[in-house]
Amino acid sequence: MKVKDVMHGGAIWVSPNASISEVARKMRDNDVGAIPVGDNDRLVGMVTDRDITCRGLPDARDLAWLTASNVMSRPVFCCRAEDDVKVAIHIMEMKKVRRLPVINEKKRMVGMLSLDDIAQKAPEVLSAGVFQAVAGHHLIREEHDAS
């Protein structure tokens, strides 16, 4: 199974100097938890809802001046639309990321691949291990907090 068969297409992105409120608005309006950051036709970072919360809000004196470049995660890990889903899962497991921008042969972003995409569309045998590898530390913490 290819990444292009599992991903969701039409990914949006923001520039590094996009305000955090613009980024958050795009996340809300598009019902996504991460937005790639592009500069000069290159992916340079990724802003997640967690980045905004953990990197942006705690130390911000004036949120109006906070931009995507202030909170984005780097480097950006991505996969190709023609990659086998197993390749993308391996990247997610190794880098412990939940989402990957998907690029085509011309290095243009054509979509995003998330754990949710894999869970919904990939065979269970492919998705079973990736959740533990990528999100396992969150699951352990939630079990500990519940006890």
C-alpha atoms as a PDB file:
ATOM      1  CA  MET A   1       0.000   0.000   0.000  1.00  0.00           C
ATOM      2  CA  LYS A   2       1.341   3.435  -0.964  1.00  0.00           C
ATOM      3  CA  VAL A   3       1.318   6.585   1.185  1.00  0.00           C
ATOM      4  CA  LYS A   4      -0.816   8.330  -1.473  1.00  0.00           C
ATOM      5  CA  ASP A   5      -3.546   5.731  -0.815  1.00  0.00           C
ATOM      6  CA  VAL A   6      -3.660   6.504   2.912  1.00  0.00           C
ATOM      7  CA  MET A   7      -2.785  10.213   3.292  1.00  0.00           C
ATOM      8  CA  HIS A   8      -5.187  13.107   3.223  1.00  0.00           C
ATOM      9  CA  GLY A   9      -4.459  15.507   0.385  1.00  0.00           C
ATOM     10  CA  GLY A  10      -4.544  19.254   0.080  1.00  0.00           C
ATOM     11  CA  ALA A  11      -2.370  20.083   3.076  1.00  0.00           C
ATOM     12  CA  ILE A  12      -2.173  23.687   4.159  1.00  0.00           C
ATOM     13  CA  TRP A  13       0.955  25.476   5.356  1.00  0.00           C
ATOM     14  CA  VAL A  14       2.039  28.808   6.831  1.00  0.00           C
ATOM     15  CA  SER A  15       5.084  31.035   6.533  1.00  0.00           C
ATOM     16  CA  PRO A  16       7.583  31.313   9.413  1.00  0.00           C
ATOM     17  CA  ASN A  17       6.336  34.816  10.245  1.00  0.00           C
ATOM     18  CA  ALA A  18       2.659  33.801  10.464  1.00  0.00           C
ATOM     19  CA  SER A  19       1.219  34.859  13.801  1.00  0.00           C
ATOM     20  CA  ILE A  20       0.335  32.161  16.293  1.00  0.00           C
ATOM     21  CA  SER A  21      -3.283  33.310  16.200  1.00  0.00           C
ATOM     22  CA  GLU A  22      -3.312  32.770  12.410  1.00  0.00           C
ATOM     23  CA  VAL A  23      -1.793  29.305  12.852  1.00  0.00           C
ATOM     24  CA  ALA A  24      -4.315  28.401  15.571  1.00  0.00           C
ATOM     25  CA  ARG A  25      -7.190  29.690  13.437  1.00  0.00           C
ATOM     26  CA  LYS A  26      -6.069  27.518  10.501  1.00  0.00           C
ATOM     27  CA  MET A  27      -5.807  24.521  12.822  1.00  0.00           C
ATOM     28  CA  ARG A  28      -9.335  25.117  14.093  1.00  0.00           C
ATOM     29  CA  ASP A  29     -10.877  25.867  10.695  1.00  0.00           C
ATOM     30  CA  ASN A  30      -9.265  22.795   9.084  1.00  0.00           C
ATOM     31  CA  ASP A  31      -9.658  20.513  12.116  1.00  0.00           C
ATOM     32  CA  VAL A  32      -5.946  19.633  12.224  1.00  0.00           C
ATOM     33  CA  GLY A  33      -3.385  19.461  15.006  1.00  0.00           C
ATOM     34  CA  ALA A  34      -0.303  20.355  12.953  1.00  0.00           C
ATOM     35  CA  ILE A  35       0.585  22.740  10.167  1.00  0.00           C
ATOM     36  CA  PRO A  36       3.823  22.664   8.155  1.00  0.00           C
ATOM     37  CA  VAL A  37       5.879  25.847   7.916  1.00  0.00           C
ATOM     38  CA  GLY A  38       7.295  26.760   4.510  1.00  0.00           C
ATOM     39  CA  ASP A  39       9.816  29.374   3.420  1.00  0.00           C
ATOM     40  CA  ASN A  40      10.987  29.969  -0.152  1.00  0.00           C
ATOM     41  CA  ASP A  41       9.198  26.833  -1.344  1.00  0.00           C
ATOM     42  CA  ARG A  42      10.908  24.671   1.314  1.00  0.00           C
ATOM     43  CA  LEU A  43       9.530  22.978   4.403  1.00  0.00           C
ATOM     44  CA  VAL A  44      11.396  24.469   7.349  1.00  0.00           C
ATOM     45  CA  GLY A  45       9.354  23.377  10.351  1.00  0.00           C
ATOM     46  CA  MET A  46       6.107  22.077  11.748  1.00  0.00           C
ATOM     47  CA  VAL A  47       3.816  23.739  14.281  1.00  0.00           C
ATOM     48  CA  THR A  48       1.645  21.464  16.371  1.00  0.00           C
ATOM     49  CA  ASP A  49      -1.018  22.406  18.872  1.00  0.00           C
ATOM     50  CA  ARG A  50       1.393  21.080  21.500  1.00  0.00           C
ATOM     51  CA  ASP A  51       4.171  23.408  20.241  1.00  0.00           C
ATOM     52  CA  ILE A  52       1.881  26.403  20.717  1.00  0.00           C
ATOM     53  CA  THR A  53       0.876  25.288  24.191  1.00  0.00           C
ATOM     54  CA  CYS A  54       4.258  24.140  25.512  1.00  0.00           C
ATOM     55  CA  ARG A  55       6.713  26.427  23.691  1.00  0.00           C
ATOM     56  CA  GLY A  56       4.658  29.510  22.998  1.00  0.00           C
ATOM     57  CA  LEU A  57       2.328  30.186  25.864  1.00  0.00           C
ATOM     58  CA  PRO A  58       4.460  29.600  28.979  1.00  0.00           C
ATOM     59  CA  ASP A  59       7.094  32.250  28.220  1.00  0.00           C
ATOM     60  CA  ALA A  60       5.186  34.664  25.987  1.00  0.00           C
ATOM     61  CA  ARG A  61       4.788  38.156  27.314  1.00  0.00           C
ATOM     62  CA  ASP A  62       2.836  39.384  24.301  1.00  0.00           C
ATOM     63  CA  LEU A  63       1.160  36.726  22.180  1.00  0.00           C
ATOM     64  CA  ALA A  64       0.533  39.237  19.393  1.00  0.00           C
ATOM     65  CA  TRP A  65       4.245  39.081  18.493  1.00  0.00           C
ATOM     66  CA  LEU A  66       4.592  35.305  18.662  1.00  0.00           C
ATOM     67  CA  THR A  67       5.122  33.660  15.246  1.00  0.00           C
ATOM     68  CA  ALA A  68       5.312  30.169  13.791  1.00  0.00           C
ATOM     69  CA  SER A  69       9.114  30.370  13.738  1.00  0.00           C
ATOM     70  CA  ASN A  70       9.137  30.981  17.517  1.00  0.00           C
ATOM     71  CA  VAL A  71       7.442  27.685  18.305  1.00  0.00           C
ATOM     72  CA  MET A  72       7.947  25.344  15.317  1.00  0.00           C
ATOM     73  CA  SER A  73       9.616  21.975  15.611  1.00  0.00           C
ATOM     74  CA  ARG A  74      12.677  21.264  13.488  1.00  0.00           C
ATOM     75  CA  PRO A  75      13.812  19.427  11.486  1.00  0.00           C
ATOM     76  CA  VAL A  76      10.830  18.392   9.399  1.00  0.00           C
ATOM     77  CA  PHE A  77      10.534  14.706   8.650  1.00  0.00           C
ATOM     78  CA  CYS A  78       8.523  13.799   5.586  1.00  0.00           C
ATOM     79  CA  CYS A  79       7.764  10.957   3.236  1.00  0.00           C
ATOM     80  CA  ARG A  80       6.968  10.648  -0.447  1.00  0.00           C
ATOM     81  CA  ALA A  81       3.551   9.934  -1.900  1.00  0.00           C
ATOM     82  CA  GLU A  82       4.969   6.920  -3.747  1.00  0.00           C
ATOM     83  CA  ASP A  83       6.614   5.429  -0.630  1.00  0.00           C
ATOM     84  CA  ASP A  84       5.225   2.236   0.775  1.00  0.00           C
ATOM     85  CA  VAL A  85       3.246   2.932   3.970  1.00  0.00           C
ATOM     86  CA  LYS A  86       5.773   0.738   5.799  1.00  0.00           C
ATOM     87  CA  VAL A  87       8.483   3.328   5.022  1.00  0.00           C
ATOM     88  CA  ALA A  88       6.362   6.142   6.482  1.00  0.00           C
ATOM     89  CA  ILE A  89       5.535   4.072   9.558  1.00  0.00           C
ATOM     90  CA  HIS A  90       9.242   3.397  10.069  1.00  0.00           C
ATOM     91  CA  ILE A  91       9.975   7.155   9.925  1.00  0.00           C
ATOM     92  CA  MET A  92       7.178   7.862  12.425  1.00  0.00           C
ATOM     93  CA  GLU A  93       8.469   5.178  14.778  1.00  0.00           C
ATOM     94  CA  MET A  94      12.120   6.262  14.552  1.00  0.00           C
ATOM     95  CA  LYS A  95      11.426   9.985  14.888  1.00  0.00           C
ATOM     96  CA  LYS A  96       8.470   9.591  17.293  1.00  0.00           C
ATOM     97  CA  VAL A  97       6.199  11.863  15.257  1.00  0.00           C
ATOM     98  CA  ARG A  98       2.463  11.509  14.703  1.00  0.00           C
ATOM     99  CA  ARG A  99       2.244  13.330  11.377  1.00  0.00           C
ATOM    100  CA  LEU A 100       4.359  13.523   8.237  1.00  0.00           C
ATOM    101  CA  PRO A 101       4.107  15.994   5.370  1.00  0.00           C
ATOM    102  CA  VAL A 102       3.915  14.076   2.093  1.00  0.00           C
ATOM    103  CA  ILE A 103       5.876  15.314  -0.916  1.00  0.00           C
ATOM    104  CA  ASN A 104       5.813  14.301  -4.574  1.00  0.00           C
ATOM    105  CA  GLU A 105       8.706  13.612  -6.938  1.00  0.00           C
ATOM    106  CA  LYS A 106       9.134  17.393  -7.455  1.00  0.00           C
ATOM    107  CA  LYS A 107       9.451  17.868  -3.678  1.00  0.00           C
ATOM    108  CA  ARG A 108       6.114  19.678  -3.533  1.00  0.00           C
ATOM    109  CA  MET A 109       3.906  19.042  -0.528  1.00  0.00           C
ATOM    110  CA  VAL A 110       0.826  17.125  -1.664  1.00  0.00           C
ATOM    111  CA  GLY A 111      -0.692  16.049   1.634  1.00  0.00           C
ATOM    112  CA  MET A 112      -0.254  14.915   5.194  1.00  0.00           C
ATOM    113  CA  LEU A 113      -0.095  11.462   6.710  1.00  0.00           C
ATOM    114  CA  SER A 114      -1.212  11.044  10.310  1.00  0.00           C
ATOM    115  CA  LEU A 115      -1.520   8.154  12.725  1.00  0.00           C
ATOM    116  CA  ASP A 116      -5.268   8.510  12.305  1.00  0.00           C
ATOM    117  CA  ASP A 117      -4.952   8.075   8.518  1.00  0.00           C
ATOM    118  CA  ILE A 118      -2.959   4.895   9.066  1.00  0.00           C
ATOM    119  CA  ALA A 119      -5.451   3.564  11.616  1.00  0.00           C
ATOM    120  CA  GLN A 120      -8.413   4.204   9.328  1.00  0.00           C
ATOM    121  CA  LYS A 121      -7.027   3.096   5.969  1.00  0.00           C
ATOM    122  CA  ALA A 122      -4.006   0.828   6.408  1.00  0.00           C
ATOM    123  CA  PRO A 123      -4.254  -2.838   7.306  1.00  0.00           C
ATOM    124  CA  GLU A 124      -4.250  -3.419  11.069  1.00  0.00           C
ATOM    125  CA  VAL A 125      -1.061  -5.432  10.845  1.00  0.00           C
ATOM    126  CA  LEU A 126       0.743  -2.273   9.631  1.00  0.00           C
ATOM    127  CA  SER A 127      -0.730   0.126  12.167  1.00  0.00           C
ATOM    128  CA  ALA A 128      -0.534  -1.951  15.344  1.00  0.00           C
ATOM    129  CA  GLY A 129       3.097  -1.289  16.254  1.00  0.00           C
ATOM    130  CA  VAL A 130       3.315   2.354  15.204  1.00  0.00           C
ATOM    131  CA  PHE A 131       0.919   3.559  17.905  1.00  0.00           C
ATOM    132  CA  GLN A 132       2.961   2.014  20.694  1.00  0.00           C
ATOM    133  CA  ALA A 133       6.242   3.278  19.224  1.00  0.00           C
ATOM    134  CA  VAL A 134       5.055   6.833  18.576  1.00  0.00           C
ATOM    135  CA  ALA A 135       2.535   7.436  21.340  1.00  0.00           C
ATOM    136  CA  GLY A 136       3.518   4.819  23.910  1.00  0.00           C
ATOM    137  CA  HIS A 137       5.076   7.290  26.330  1.00  0.00           C
ATOM    138  CA  HIS A 138       1.778   9.224  26.405  1.00  0.00           C
ATOM    139  CA  LEU A 139      -0.212   6.052  27.024  1.00  0.00           C
ATOM    140  CA  ILE A 140       2.051   5.062  29.919  1.00  0.00           C
ATOM    141  CA  ARG A 141       1.756   8.538  31.448  1.00  0.00           C
ATOM    142  CA  GLU A 142      -2.070   8.497  31.113  1.00  0.00           C
ATOM    143  CA  GLU A 143      -2.251   5.076  32.815  1.00  0.00           C
ATOM    144  CA  HIS A 144      -0.007   6.367  35.624  1.00  0.00           C
ATOM    145  CA  ASP A 145      -2.076   9.552  36.035  1.00  0.00           C
ATOM    146  CA  ALA A 146      -5.300   7.509  36.219  1.00  0.00           C
ATOM    147  CA  SER A 147      -4.048   5.383  39.105  1.00  0.00           C
END
